[in-house]
Protein backbone atom coordinates (compact mmCIF):
# COMPACT_ATOMS: atom_id res chain seq x y z
CA MET A 1 0.00 0.00 0.00
CA LYS A 2 1.09 3.57 -0.49
CA LEU A 3 1.08 5.36 2.86
CA LEU A 4 0.29 9.08 2.78
CA GLY A 5 0.48 11.42 5.77
CA LYS A 6 3.56 9.94 7.38
CA LYS A 7 4.51 13.37 8.71
CA LEU A 8 1.68 13.12 11.26
CA LEU A 9 2.97 9.74 12.39
CA HIS A 10 6.53 10.98 12.75
CA GLU A 11 5.50 14.10 14.67
CA PHE A 12 3.40 11.96 16.99
CA MET A 13 6.30 9.57 17.61
CA GLU A 14 8.51 12.50 18.55
CA ALA A 15 6.02 13.51 21.24
CA HIS A 16 5.12 9.96 22.34
CA ALA A 17 8.28 7.87 22.33
CA ASP A 18 6.50 4.89 23.90
CA ALA A 19 4.53 4.45 20.67
CA ARG A 20 7.53 4.63 18.35
CA SER A 21 8.27 0.93 17.90
CA GLN A 22 4.64 -0.06 17.33
CA ILE A 23 3.98 2.76 14.88
CA GLU A 24 7.21 2.13 12.98
CA SER A 25 6.34 -1.58 12.70
CA TRP A 26 2.82 -0.75 11.51
CA GLU A 27 4.17 1.77 8.98
CA ALA A 28 6.68 -0.70 7.52
CA GLU A 29 4.09 -3.44 7.30
CA VAL A 30 1.48 -1.24 5.61
CA GLU A 31 3.98 -0.19 2.97
CA GLU A 32 4.75 -3.84 2.17
CA ILE A 33 1.19 -5.23 2.12
CA GLN A 34 -1.69 -4.98 -0.33
CA TRP A 35 -5.22 -5.08 1.06
CA SER A 36 -7.93 -5.65 -1.51
CA ASN A 37 -10.82 -5.18 0.88
CA PRO A 38 -11.67 -4.77 4.59
CA HIS A 39 -11.63 -8.55 5.07
CA ASP A 40 -7.93 -8.66 4.10
CA LEU A 41 -7.19 -5.94 6.64
CA LYS A 42 -9.18 -7.65 9.43
CA SER A 43 -7.39 -10.95 8.82
CA ARG A 44 -4.13 -9.22 9.81
CA TYR A 45 -5.53 -6.66 12.29
CA PRO A 46 -8.62 -8.26 13.86
CA LYS A 47 -8.91 -5.51 16.49
CA ALA A 48 -8.95 -2.69 13.92
CA SER A 49 -12.29 -0.89 13.82
CA ILE A 50 -13.76 -0.49 10.35
CA ILE A 51 -15.86 2.66 10.16
CA LYS A 52 -17.92 4.22 7.38
CA ASP A 53 -16.43 5.72 4.22
CA GLN A 54 -13.39 3.42 4.21
CA HIS A 55 -12.12 4.74 7.54
CA VAL A 56 -10.29 2.44 9.93
CA VAL A 57 -9.10 2.99 13.51
CA PHE A 58 -6.00 1.19 14.79
CA ASP A 59 -5.03 1.00 18.46
CA PHE A 60 -1.45 1.32 19.68
CA CYS A 61 0.13 0.74 23.09
CA TRP A 62 -2.75 -1.26 24.52
CA ASN A 63 -5.39 1.23 23.37
CA LYS A 64 -3.51 4.23 24.76
CA TYR A 65 -3.27 5.79 21.29
CA ARG A 66 -5.55 5.75 18.27
CA LEU A 67 -4.80 6.16 14.59
CA LEU A 68 -7.49 7.05 12.05
CA VAL A 69 -6.81 6.27 8.40
CA GLN A 70 -8.82 6.24 5.23
CA ILE A 71 -8.14 3.36 2.86
CA ASN A 72 -8.71 3.32 -0.87
CA TYR A 73 -8.45 -0.41 -1.54
CA LYS A 74 -8.83 -0.07 -5.31
CA ASN A 75 -5.85 2.30 -5.63
CA GLY A 76 -3.82 0.83 -2.76
CA ILE A 77 -3.64 4.03 -0.70
CA VAL A 78 -3.71 4.45 3.08
CA LEU A 79 -4.15 8.08 4.16
CA VAL A 80 -3.32 9.01 7.75
CA LYS A 81 -6.10 11.33 8.91
CA LYS A 82 -5.49 11.69 12.66
CA ILE A 83 -3.47 10.19 15.46
CA GLY A 84 -3.82 10.94 19.13
CA THR A 85 -4.41 9.73 22.62
CA HIS A 86 -7.51 7.78 23.52
CA LYS A 87 -8.92 10.91 25.15
CA GLU A 88 -8.30 12.95 22.00
CA TYR A 89 -9.95 10.21 19.95
CA ASP A 90 -13.11 10.59 22.03
CA SER A 91 -13.39 14.20 20.79
CA TRP A 92 -13.04 13.26 17.09
CA GLY A 93 -16.73 12.34 16.90
CA ILE A 94 -16.16 9.09 15.01
CA THR A 95 -18.84 6.42 14.96
């Protein structure tokens, strides 16, 4: 997949060093994989939350941090939309 919005990830890792290894692993894996549909994604990340309009939420550091992405399966693009603490996630208004 092509991962867009890595700057947000890198800025977040600078501020939250405890998330660095998990986010770096996720980033490397996403860039090497090709998901054709949400089922492919869930087979690798069963705890990921699939939300409307191709949005997916991933948890890091035992649900301490949340990452919101939008995935275009047809074009192989993962767009980082937001990343933050669990408390910040609660204010994003995602359902």
